[in-house]
Each structure stands twice: as C-alpha cells, then as structure tokens.
Amino acid sequence: MGKTVAIIQARMGSSRLPGKVLLDLGGQTMLARVFKRAERAADLDELVVATTTDQGDDALQKFCEQAGYTCFRGHAFDVLDRYYQCAKAVGAETLVRITADCPFIAPEEITRVLKAFKKGNYDFVANRLPPPFKRTTPIGMDTEVVSFANLERAWQEAKEPYQREHVMPYFYDTPGRFKVKLVQRRPSLGHLRFTVDTPEDLTLAREIYTCFGNRDDFSLAELLAANALHPEWQASVEAVKHKSFKDLDARRPAGQREAHG
C-alpha cells in the first residue's frame, strides 16, 4: 500500500504547558519518548515531526536535527494543511497521526489501528472519536490512520476552523461522509489518562517513568499493571479536563476563531 508514515504533531506553544514537548522526562525529552515508542510499531516506514513555522519552534527543529529526526514545518493553526503538506513532501500513501504530548503511546496500539485500516475497506480508522462516540482507549494512546487521497479530499473540502485546527474532524463530524471505523477496546479503558497537557500530567508522567527505571520500552500491558498497583496515579489527574475537538486555540488570529456546527 505504498509508504506508511507516522506524522507526530508537535509545537512549543502549548497553551496549558508551554514548551512541554522538550521538557525532561526521565533523562529524555517528551518528544524523544514519543518518537522512540512510536517507531517500535509494526508496518511504519518512516516517522516525521510536523511543527510550525513560528519562530518559537526553531528550538524544536534544532532538537530534531540533533536527534536525527525528519522535521517538517507548516501552518500554526491550519494543522490540516500542515499534515497535508508534510504527507505530500515525504510521499506518504498512508499516514498515521500521533501527537507529541503522548509519551506513553503504545506501539502495539498503533499497530492495531494500522492493521484495521489495511485489512478493512475504510477511509479513516481511529481508536478514539469524540462524543457521542464512547472512548474505550486510554487518553494518550490516540492514533488515527487515513490514506493520502482522503486526506487530500478533506484538505480541499474542510472549511470550518475546528476542522482545520484539529486535522481529522472532517472525517467523522458528519455521518456518512466517509467510511469510518472506530477500533474499540474491551473492557473499556477510556477513563484512564496517560497524556501530558498540564503540570499535573507531567508530574504523573515523571512518576511513571521513574517506576519503569526511566526505560521507554514498557508495553501497554505493563503500564496498565503498574497503574493498577498505584491508584494515586489516576487520582492525581482526575480533575484535569480534556479538551474538546471543537475548542480553538485562543491565539488564532482574530476572525478565524469561530467554530460552527
């Protein structure tokens, strides 16, 4: 099926935890943890970091160059355009979307979603979708897969600011527009949080990495087993509110902020 590329969305300008992708997580940056975990997934031909052309992301590009990661720079708020241009530049036929605030991303979860996409006749496959769909995958394992051809169609047709900023809503916000597959987990683990969006999340992430001796090759099963032994982990992030796919970045230029529908 041509080249399969994972594109890791990253920027320094996080609204809740600025610079988080280059913060230290047990001796490595958070971005390095995401990259190393993701590259263990089966059937990936390439990984690329997609950041913005903002000056603040110069440091991110410099880090990628030093680490030997391919780095693409594109639009800060039209992230759909950034993904499209990045996929086009690297010649991706199938692309996997991952975000750089997921230092626990499970390679086996990426593999599972990719397999569902390649086995079935789907336009878009994900392991979580926003309400009214029920989340059964832990927050922080989010993986979305789409063909370049369908990404191009979304890039041409999507008009709403939230569809551009959040990359993939055009695939699932109108039933019947695309053939969508949601890969579920049983039993549901959708109540678990393993992402880094706030200082509380970062404290927890550091605790978890410490528990694993700062290795990043632990499996999802090992993470879940350790989590079961440490009820205080999830309790520490219970109050964190997860963002909606229609939330728009307040720093988006005026006139581009309306989210409709």
C-alpha atoms as a PDB file:
ATOM      1  CA  MET A   1       0.000   0.000   0.000  1.00  0.00           C
ATOM      2  CA  GLY A   2       2.874   2.402  -0.640  1.00  0.00           C
ATOM      3  CA  LYS A   3       4.729   4.228   2.093  1.00  0.00           C
ATOM      4  CA  THR A   4       3.224   4.371   5.593  1.00  0.00           C
ATOM      5  CA  VAL A   5       4.355   7.421   7.550  1.00  0.00           C
ATOM      6  CA  ALA A   6       3.620   8.406  11.137  1.00  0.00           C
ATOM      7  CA  ILE A   7       3.404  12.172  11.481  1.00  0.00           C
ATOM      8  CA  ILE A   8       3.944  13.412  15.041  1.00  0.00           C
ATOM      9  CA  GLN A   9       2.266  16.760  15.627  1.00  0.00           C
ATOM     10  CA  ALA A  10       4.414  18.963  17.882  1.00  0.00           C
ATOM     11  CA  ARG A  11       4.822  22.592  18.858  1.00  0.00           C
ATOM     12  CA  MET A  12       6.457  24.550  21.652  1.00  0.00           C
ATOM     13  CA  GLY A  13       3.478  26.873  22.158  1.00  0.00           C
ATOM     14  CA  SER A  14       1.204  24.660  24.235  1.00  0.00           C
ATOM     15  CA  SER A  15      -1.395  26.858  25.969  1.00  0.00           C
ATOM     16  CA  ARG A  16      -1.503  24.862  29.236  1.00  0.00           C
ATOM     17  CA  LEU A  17       2.137  23.765  29.493  1.00  0.00           C
ATOM     18  CA  PRO A  18       4.410  25.845  27.226  1.00  0.00           C
ATOM     19  CA  GLY A  19       7.443  24.070  25.787  1.00  0.00           C
ATOM     20  CA  LYS A  20       6.193  20.718  27.075  1.00  0.00           C
ATOM     21  CA  VAL A  21       7.405  18.634  24.132  1.00  0.00           C
ATOM     22  CA  LEU A  22      11.054  19.378  25.005  1.00  0.00           C
ATOM     23  CA  LEU A  23      10.635  19.085  28.785  1.00  0.00           C
ATOM     24  CA  ASP A  24      12.654  16.413  30.557  1.00  0.00           C
ATOM     25  CA  LEU A  25      11.002  13.068  31.161  1.00  0.00           C
ATOM     26  CA  GLY A  26      13.432  10.787  32.950  1.00  0.00           C
ATOM     27  CA  GLY A  27      16.509  11.983  31.086  1.00  0.00           C
ATOM     28  CA  GLN A  28      14.955  12.346  27.621  1.00  0.00           C
ATOM     29  CA  THR A  29      12.653  14.958  26.114  1.00  0.00           C
ATOM     30  CA  MET A  30       8.985  14.096  25.897  1.00  0.00           C
ATOM     31  CA  LEU A  31       9.215  14.243  22.081  1.00  0.00           C
ATOM     32  CA  ALA A  32      12.060  11.695  22.115  1.00  0.00           C
ATOM     33  CA  ARG A  33       9.918   9.353  24.245  1.00  0.00           C
ATOM     34  CA  VAL A  34       7.010   9.645  21.785  1.00  0.00           C
ATOM     35  CA  PHE A  35       9.297   9.108  18.794  1.00  0.00           C
ATOM     36  CA  LYS A  36      11.083   6.083  20.268  1.00  0.00           C
ATOM     37  CA  ARG A  37       7.865   4.406  21.364  1.00  0.00           C
ATOM     38  CA  ALA A  38       6.077   5.088  18.069  1.00  0.00           C
ATOM     39  CA  GLU A  39       8.929   3.813  15.908  1.00  0.00           C
ATOM     40  CA  ARG A  40       8.546   0.358  17.511  1.00  0.00           C
ATOM     41  CA  ALA A  41       5.145  -0.039  15.834  1.00  0.00           C
ATOM     42  CA  ALA A  42       4.999  -2.634  13.071  1.00  0.00           C
ATOM     43  CA  ASP A  43       4.488  -1.584   9.436  1.00  0.00           C
ATOM     44  CA  LEU A  44       5.729   2.010   9.747  1.00  0.00           C
ATOM     45  CA  ASP A  45       8.161   3.045   7.017  1.00  0.00           C
ATOM     46  CA  GLU A  46       9.006   6.479   8.361  1.00  0.00           C
ATOM     47  CA  LEU A  47       8.351   8.939  11.204  1.00  0.00           C
ATOM     48  CA  VAL A  48       8.248  12.697  10.747  1.00  0.00           C
ATOM     49  CA  VAL A  49       7.792  15.516  13.257  1.00  0.00           C
ATOM     50  CA  ALA A  50       5.416  18.211  11.929  1.00  0.00           C
ATOM     51  CA  THR A  51       5.811  21.543  13.692  1.00  0.00           C
ATOM     52  CA  THR A  52       5.030  25.153  12.829  1.00  0.00           C
ATOM     53  CA  THR A  53       6.861  27.937  11.036  1.00  0.00           C
ATOM     54  CA  ASP A  54       6.616  30.074  14.210  1.00  0.00           C
ATOM     55  CA  GLN A  55       9.953  31.338  15.481  1.00  0.00           C
ATOM     56  CA  GLY A  56       9.222  29.650  18.816  1.00  0.00           C
ATOM     57  CA  ASP A  57       9.531  26.289  17.080  1.00  0.00           C
ATOM     58  CA  ASP A  58      13.097  26.915  15.887  1.00  0.00           C
ATOM     59  CA  ALA A  59      14.242  25.117  19.047  1.00  0.00           C
ATOM     60  CA  LEU A  60      12.093  22.137  18.113  1.00  0.00           C
ATOM     61  CA  GLN A  61      13.620  21.957  14.643  1.00  0.00           C
ATOM     62  CA  LYS A  62      17.111  22.208  16.144  1.00  0.00           C
ATOM     63  CA  PHE A  63      16.334  19.349  18.539  1.00  0.00           C
ATOM     64  CA  CYS A  64      15.035  17.190  15.670  1.00  0.00           C
ATOM     65  CA  GLU A  65      18.162  17.877  13.615  1.00  0.00           C
ATOM     66  CA  GLN A  66      20.410  16.896  16.538  1.00  0.00           C
ATOM     67  CA  ALA A  67      18.356  13.744  17.199  1.00  0.00           C
ATOM     68  CA  GLY A  68      18.296  12.770  13.522  1.00  0.00           C
ATOM     69  CA  TYR A  69      14.518  13.155  13.177  1.00  0.00           C
ATOM     70  CA  THR A  70      12.944  14.446   9.968  1.00  0.00           C
ATOM     71  CA  CYS A  71      11.222  17.740  10.763  1.00  0.00           C
ATOM     72  CA  PHE A  72       8.611  19.447   8.607  1.00  0.00           C
ATOM     73  CA  ARG A  73       7.382  22.975   9.333  1.00  0.00           C
ATOM     74  CA  GLY A  74       3.972  24.281   8.351  1.00  0.00           C
ATOM     75  CA  HIS A  75       0.961  26.356   9.405  1.00  0.00           C
ATOM     76  CA  ALA A  76       0.492  27.013  13.134  1.00  0.00           C
ATOM     77  CA  PHE A  77      -3.323  26.892  13.198  1.00  0.00           C
ATOM     78  CA  ASP A  78      -4.318  25.191   9.941  1.00  0.00           C
ATOM     79  CA  VAL A  79      -2.915  21.883  11.129  1.00  0.00           C
ATOM     80  CA  LEU A  80      -4.835  20.001   8.427  1.00  0.00           C
ATOM     81  CA  ASP A  81      -2.788  21.946   5.875  1.00  0.00           C
ATOM     82  CA  ARG A  82       0.398  21.187   7.850  1.00  0.00           C
ATOM     83  CA  TYR A  83      -0.385  17.454   7.757  1.00  0.00           C
ATOM     84  CA  TYR A  84      -1.303  17.519   4.096  1.00  0.00           C
ATOM     85  CA  GLN A  85       1.834  19.404   3.041  1.00  0.00           C
ATOM     86  CA  CYS A  86       4.007  17.173   5.235  1.00  0.00           C
ATOM     87  CA  ALA A  87       2.485  13.949   3.859  1.00  0.00           C
ATOM     88  CA  LYS A  88       2.901  15.283   0.323  1.00  0.00           C
ATOM     89  CA  ALA A  89       6.537  16.273   0.948  1.00  0.00           C
ATOM     90  CA  VAL A  90       7.520  12.805   2.214  1.00  0.00           C
ATOM     91  CA  GLY A  91       5.424  10.862  -0.320  1.00  0.00           C
ATOM     92  CA  ALA A  92       3.153   9.165   2.230  1.00  0.00           C
ATOM     93  CA  GLU A  93       0.425   6.945   0.845  1.00  0.00           C
ATOM     94  CA  THR A  94      -0.931   6.019   4.274  1.00  0.00           C
ATOM     95  CA  LEU A  95      -0.460   8.312   7.210  1.00  0.00           C
ATOM     96  CA  VAL A  96      -0.759   7.836  10.943  1.00  0.00           C
ATOM     97  CA  ARG A  97      -1.485  10.846  13.144  1.00  0.00           C
ATOM     98  CA  ILE A  98       0.105  10.944  16.607  1.00  0.00           C
ATOM     99  CA  THR A  99       0.584  13.923  18.910  1.00  0.00           C
ATOM    100  CA  ALA A 100       3.773  14.784  20.786  1.00  0.00           C
ATOM    101  CA  ASP A 101       2.046  15.032  24.165  1.00  0.00           C
ATOM    102  CA  CYS A 102       1.596  11.247  24.379  1.00  0.00           C
ATOM    103  CA  PRO A 103       4.835   9.854  25.905  1.00  0.00           C
ATOM    104  CA  PHE A 104       3.073   6.559  26.694  1.00  0.00           C
ATOM    105  CA  ILE A 105       1.821   5.937  23.154  1.00  0.00           C
ATOM    106  CA  ALA A 106       1.785   2.168  22.739  1.00  0.00           C
ATOM    107  CA  PRO A 107       3.403   0.759  19.582  1.00  0.00           C
ATOM    108  CA  GLU A 108       1.025  -2.205  19.789  1.00  0.00           C
ATOM    109  CA  GLU A 109      -1.912   0.238  19.745  1.00  0.00           C
ATOM    110  CA  ILE A 110      -0.562   1.988  16.618  1.00  0.00           C
ATOM    111  CA  THR A 111      -0.097  -1.443  15.009  1.00  0.00           C
ATOM    112  CA  ARG A 112      -3.665  -2.452  15.952  1.00  0.00           C
ATOM    113  CA  VAL A 113      -5.211   0.649  14.329  1.00  0.00           C
ATOM    114  CA  LEU A 114      -3.000   0.351  11.236  1.00  0.00           C
ATOM    115  CA  LYS A 115      -3.964  -3.305  10.797  1.00  0.00           C
ATOM    116  CA  ALA A 116      -7.668  -2.439  10.995  1.00  0.00           C
ATOM    117  CA  PHE A 117      -7.139   0.209   8.315  1.00  0.00           C
ATOM    118  CA  LYS A 118      -5.177  -2.074   5.998  1.00  0.00           C
ATOM    119  CA  LYS A 119      -7.491  -5.073   6.473  1.00  0.00           C
ATOM    120  CA  GLY A 120     -10.810  -3.285   6.028  1.00  0.00           C
ATOM    121  CA  ASN A 121     -12.095  -1.083   3.275  1.00  0.00           C
ATOM    122  CA  TYR A 122     -12.170   2.104   5.360  1.00  0.00           C
ATOM    123  CA  ASP A 123     -11.434   5.753   4.617  1.00  0.00           C
ATOM    124  CA  PHE A 124     -10.480   6.585   8.184  1.00  0.00           C
ATOM    125  CA  VAL A 125      -9.687   4.428  11.234  1.00  0.00           C
ATOM    126  CA  ALA A 126      -9.115   5.642  14.797  1.00  0.00           C
ATOM    127  CA  ASN A 127      -9.007   4.179  18.301  1.00  0.00           C
ATOM    128  CA  ARG A 128     -10.998   7.055  19.744  1.00  0.00           C
ATOM    129  CA  LEU A 129     -13.526   9.574  18.477  1.00  0.00           C
ATOM    130  CA  PRO A 130     -15.165  12.419  20.435  1.00  0.00           C
ATOM    131  CA  PRO A 131     -18.701  12.193  21.915  1.00  0.00           C
ATOM    132  CA  PRO A 132     -21.258  10.904  21.077  1.00  0.00           C
ATOM    133  CA  PHE A 133     -18.797   8.053  20.406  1.00  0.00           C
ATOM    134  CA  LYS A 134     -17.645   6.268  23.546  1.00  0.00           C
ATOM    135  CA  ARG A 135     -13.935   6.387  24.343  1.00  0.00           C
ATOM    136  CA  THR A 136     -12.602   2.920  25.202  1.00  0.00           C
ATOM    137  CA  THR A 137      -8.881   3.628  24.675  1.00  0.00           C
ATOM    138  CA  PRO A 138      -6.885   5.436  27.386  1.00  0.00           C
ATOM    139  CA  ILE A 139      -6.290   9.152  26.803  1.00  0.00           C
ATOM    140  CA  GLY A 140      -2.749   9.346  25.441  1.00  0.00           C
ATOM    141  CA  MET A 141      -2.958   6.350  23.088  1.00  0.00           C
ATOM    142  CA  ASP A 142      -4.837   8.228  20.370  1.00  0.00           C
ATOM    143  CA  THR A 143      -3.996   7.040  16.862  1.00  0.00           C
ATOM    144  CA  GLU A 144      -5.686   7.976  13.586  1.00  0.00           C
ATOM    145  CA  VAL A 145      -5.000   6.471  10.154  1.00  0.00           C
ATOM    146  CA  VAL A 146      -6.030   7.777   6.753  1.00  0.00           C
ATOM    147  CA  SER A 147      -4.943   7.451   3.133  1.00  0.00           C
ATOM    148  CA  PHE A 148      -3.243  10.386   1.452  1.00  0.00           C
ATOM    149  CA  ALA A 149      -6.032  10.510  -1.156  1.00  0.00           C
ATOM    150  CA  ASN A 150      -8.696  11.009   1.506  1.00  0.00           C
ATOM    151  CA  LEU A 151      -6.543  13.470   3.444  1.00  0.00           C
ATOM    152  CA  GLU A 152      -6.299  15.471   0.232  1.00  0.00           C
ATOM    153  CA  ARG A 153     -10.077  15.438  -0.142  1.00  0.00           C
ATOM    154  CA  ALA A 154     -10.502  16.716   3.443  1.00  0.00           C
ATOM    155  CA  TRP A 155      -7.826  19.351   2.823  1.00  0.00           C
ATOM    156  CA  GLN A 156      -9.757  20.575  -0.232  1.00  0.00           C
ATOM    157  CA  GLU A 157     -13.246  20.455   1.312  1.00  0.00           C
ATOM    158  CA  ALA A 158     -12.960  21.243   5.056  1.00  0.00           C
ATOM    159  CA  LYS A 159     -13.894  24.861   5.758  1.00  0.00           C
ATOM    160  CA  GLU A 160     -14.623  25.220   9.491  1.00  0.00           C
ATOM    161  CA  PRO A 161     -11.771  26.487  11.706  1.00  0.00           C
ATOM    162  CA  TYR A 162     -12.086  23.487  14.085  1.00  0.00           C
ATOM    163  CA  GLN A 163     -11.860  21.091  11.114  1.00  0.00           C
ATOM    164  CA  ARG A 164      -8.608  22.734  10.039  1.00  0.00           C
ATOM    165  CA  GLU A 165      -7.059  23.083  13.512  1.00  0.00           C
ATOM    166  CA  HIS A 166      -7.856  19.558  14.731  1.00  0.00           C
ATOM    167  CA  VAL A 167      -6.887  17.865  11.446  1.00  0.00           C
ATOM    168  CA  MET A 168      -9.343  14.976  11.301  1.00  0.00           C
ATOM    169  CA  PRO A 169     -12.877  16.118  12.365  1.00  0.00           C
ATOM    170  CA  TYR A 170     -13.970  16.392   8.718  1.00  0.00           C
ATOM    171  CA  PHE A 171     -13.761  12.605   8.554  1.00  0.00           C
ATOM    172  CA  TYR A 172     -16.183  11.955  11.415  1.00  0.00           C
ATOM    173  CA  ASP A 173     -18.239  15.095  12.211  1.00  0.00           C
ATOM    174  CA  THR A 174     -20.846  14.261   9.540  1.00  0.00           C
ATOM    175  CA  PRO A 175     -22.007  10.601   9.495  1.00  0.00           C
ATOM    176  CA  GLY A 176     -21.848   9.017   6.047  1.00  0.00           C
ATOM    177  CA  ARG A 177     -19.326  11.437   4.552  1.00  0.00           C
ATOM    178  CA  PHE A 178     -16.543   8.840   4.889  1.00  0.00           C
ATOM    179  CA  LYS A 179     -16.380   5.160   5.772  1.00  0.00           C
ATOM    180  CA  VAL A 180     -15.135   5.355   9.359  1.00  0.00           C
ATOM    181  CA  LYS A 181     -14.019   2.550  11.674  1.00  0.00           C
ATOM    182  CA  LEU A 182     -13.637   3.041  15.416  1.00  0.00           C
ATOM    183  CA  VAL A 183     -11.322   0.401  16.908  1.00  0.00           C
ATOM    184  CA  GLN A 184     -12.661  -0.322  20.406  1.00  0.00           C
ATOM    185  CA  ARG A 185     -11.132  -1.924  23.496  1.00  0.00           C
ATOM    186  CA  ARG A 186     -12.882  -4.366  25.797  1.00  0.00           C
ATOM    187  CA  PRO A 187     -13.066  -3.850  28.669  1.00  0.00           C
ATOM    188  CA  SER A 188     -13.156  -0.097  28.194  1.00  0.00           C
ATOM    189  CA  LEU A 189     -10.104   1.807  29.445  1.00  0.00           C
ATOM    190  CA  GLY A 190     -11.368   5.207  28.329  1.00  0.00           C
ATOM    191  CA  HIS A 191     -11.342   6.576  31.884  1.00  0.00           C
ATOM    192  CA  LEU A 192      -7.531   6.284  32.145  1.00  0.00           C
ATOM    193  CA  ARG A 193      -5.295   9.283  31.430  1.00  0.00           C
ATOM    194  CA  PHE A 194      -1.717   8.912  30.142  1.00  0.00           C
ATOM    195  CA  THR A 195      -1.070  12.180  28.341  1.00  0.00           C
ATOM    196  CA  VAL A 196       0.746  15.418  29.190  1.00  0.00           C
ATOM    197  CA  ASP A 197      -1.288  18.578  28.867  1.00  0.00           C
ATOM    198  CA  THR A 198      -0.882  20.150  32.325  1.00  0.00           C
ATOM    199  CA  PRO A 199       1.717  20.361  35.137  1.00  0.00           C
ATOM    200  CA  GLU A 200      -0.199  17.605  36.994  1.00  0.00           C
ATOM    201  CA  ASP A 201       0.083  15.345  33.946  1.00  0.00           C
ATOM    202  CA  LEU A 202       3.828  15.994  33.754  1.00  0.00           C
ATOM    203  CA  THR A 203       4.338  15.118  37.433  1.00  0.00           C
ATOM    204  CA  LEU A 204       2.481  11.848  36.868  1.00  0.00           C
ATOM    205  CA  ALA A 205       4.424  11.067  33.667  1.00  0.00           C
ATOM    206  CA  ARG A 206       7.711  11.503  35.538  1.00  0.00           C
ATOM    207  CA  GLU A 207       6.471   9.216  38.340  1.00  0.00           C
ATOM    208  CA  ILE A 208       5.519   6.517  35.834  1.00  0.00           C
ATOM    209  CA  TYR A 209       8.860   6.717  34.026  1.00  0.00           C
ATOM    210  CA  THR A 210      10.659   6.542  37.385  1.00  0.00           C
ATOM    211  CA  CYS A 211       8.634   3.408  38.179  1.00  0.00           C
ATOM    212  CA  PHE A 212       9.995   1.846  34.971  1.00  0.00           C
ATOM    213  CA  GLY A 213      13.584   2.904  35.713  1.00  0.00           C
ATOM    214  CA  ASN A 214      13.282   5.604  33.016  1.00  0.00           C
ATOM    215  CA  ARG A 215      13.079   2.939  30.270  1.00  0.00           C
ATOM    216  CA  ASP A 216      10.592   3.608  27.494  1.00  0.00           C
ATOM    217  CA  ASP A 217      10.224   0.071  26.145  1.00  0.00           C
ATOM    218  CA  PHE A 218       7.457  -0.996  28.547  1.00  0.00           C
ATOM    219  CA  SER A 219       4.283  -2.335  26.948  1.00  0.00           C
ATOM    220  CA  LEU A 220       0.724  -1.119  27.401  1.00  0.00           C
ATOM    221  CA  ALA A 221       0.019  -4.268  29.439  1.00  0.00           C
ATOM    222  CA  GLU A 222       2.936  -3.424  31.769  1.00  0.00           C
ATOM    223  CA  LEU A 223       1.740   0.171  32.078  1.00  0.00           C
ATOM    224  CA  LEU A 224      -1.793  -0.979  32.951  1.00  0.00           C
ATOM    225  CA  ALA A 225      -0.451  -3.478  35.516  1.00  0.00           C
ATOM    226  CA  ALA A 226       1.655  -0.773  37.205  1.00  0.00           C
ATOM    227  CA  ASN A 227      -1.274   1.645  37.082  1.00  0.00           C
ATOM    228  CA  ALA A 228      -3.472  -0.891  38.885  1.00  0.00           C
ATOM    229  CA  LEU A 229      -0.902  -1.033  41.709  1.00  0.00           C
ATOM    230  CA  HIS A 230      -0.811   2.768  42.007  1.00  0.00           C
ATOM    231  CA  PRO A 231      -4.364   4.129  42.403  1.00  0.00           C
ATOM    232  CA  GLU A 232      -2.838   7.502  43.326  1.00  0.00           C
ATOM    233  CA  TRP A 233      -1.625   7.928  39.734  1.00  0.00           C
ATOM    234  CA  GLN A 234      -5.065   8.382  38.177  1.00  0.00           C
ATOM    235  CA  ALA A 235      -6.343  10.200  41.269  1.00  0.00           C
ATOM    236  CA  SER A 236      -3.672  12.871  40.717  1.00  0.00           C
ATOM    237  CA  VAL A 237      -5.052  13.777  37.261  1.00  0.00           C
ATOM    238  CA  GLU A 238      -8.734  13.123  37.903  1.00  0.00           C
ATOM    239  CA  ALA A 239      -9.609  16.825  37.873  1.00  0.00           C
ATOM    240  CA  VAL A 240      -7.883  17.557  34.527  1.00  0.00           C
ATOM    241  CA  LYS A 241     -10.434  18.465  31.871  1.00  0.00           C
ATOM    242  CA  HIS A 242      -9.702  17.034  28.428  1.00  0.00           C
ATOM    243  CA  LYS A 243     -10.104  19.463  25.541  1.00  0.00           C
ATOM    244  CA  SER A 244     -12.940  19.143  23.051  1.00  0.00           C
ATOM    245  CA  PHE A 245     -12.248  18.680  19.339  1.00  0.00           C
ATOM    246  CA  LYS A 246     -14.160  21.938  18.732  1.00  0.00           C
ATOM    247  CA  ASP A 247     -12.010  24.008  21.128  1.00  0.00           C
ATOM    248  CA  LEU A 248      -9.966  26.537  19.182  1.00  0.00           C
ATOM    249  CA  ASP A 249      -6.611  27.986  20.129  1.00  0.00           C
ATOM    250  CA  ALA A 250      -7.196  31.442  21.629  1.00  0.00           C
ATOM    251  CA  ARG A 251      -4.028  32.646  19.884  1.00  0.00           C
ATOM    252  CA  ARG A 252      -5.541  32.021  16.453  1.00  0.00           C
ATOM    253  CA  PRO A 253      -5.735  35.352  14.545  1.00  0.00           C
ATOM    254  CA  ALA A 254      -8.999  37.258  15.066  1.00  0.00           C
ATOM    255  CA  GLY A 255     -11.657  36.398  12.534  1.00  0.00           C
ATOM    256  CA  GLN A 256     -10.520  32.772  12.337  1.00  0.00           C
ATOM    257  CA  ARG A 257     -11.868  31.722  15.718  1.00  0.00           C
ATOM    258  CA  GLU A 258     -15.496  30.836  15.108  1.00  0.00           C
ATOM    259  CA  ALA A 259     -16.372  27.167  15.500  1.00  0.00           C
ATOM    260  CA  HIS A 260     -19.721  26.285  13.954  1.00  0.00           C
ATOM    261  CA  GLY A 261     -21.950  23.232  13.965  1.00  0.00           C
END
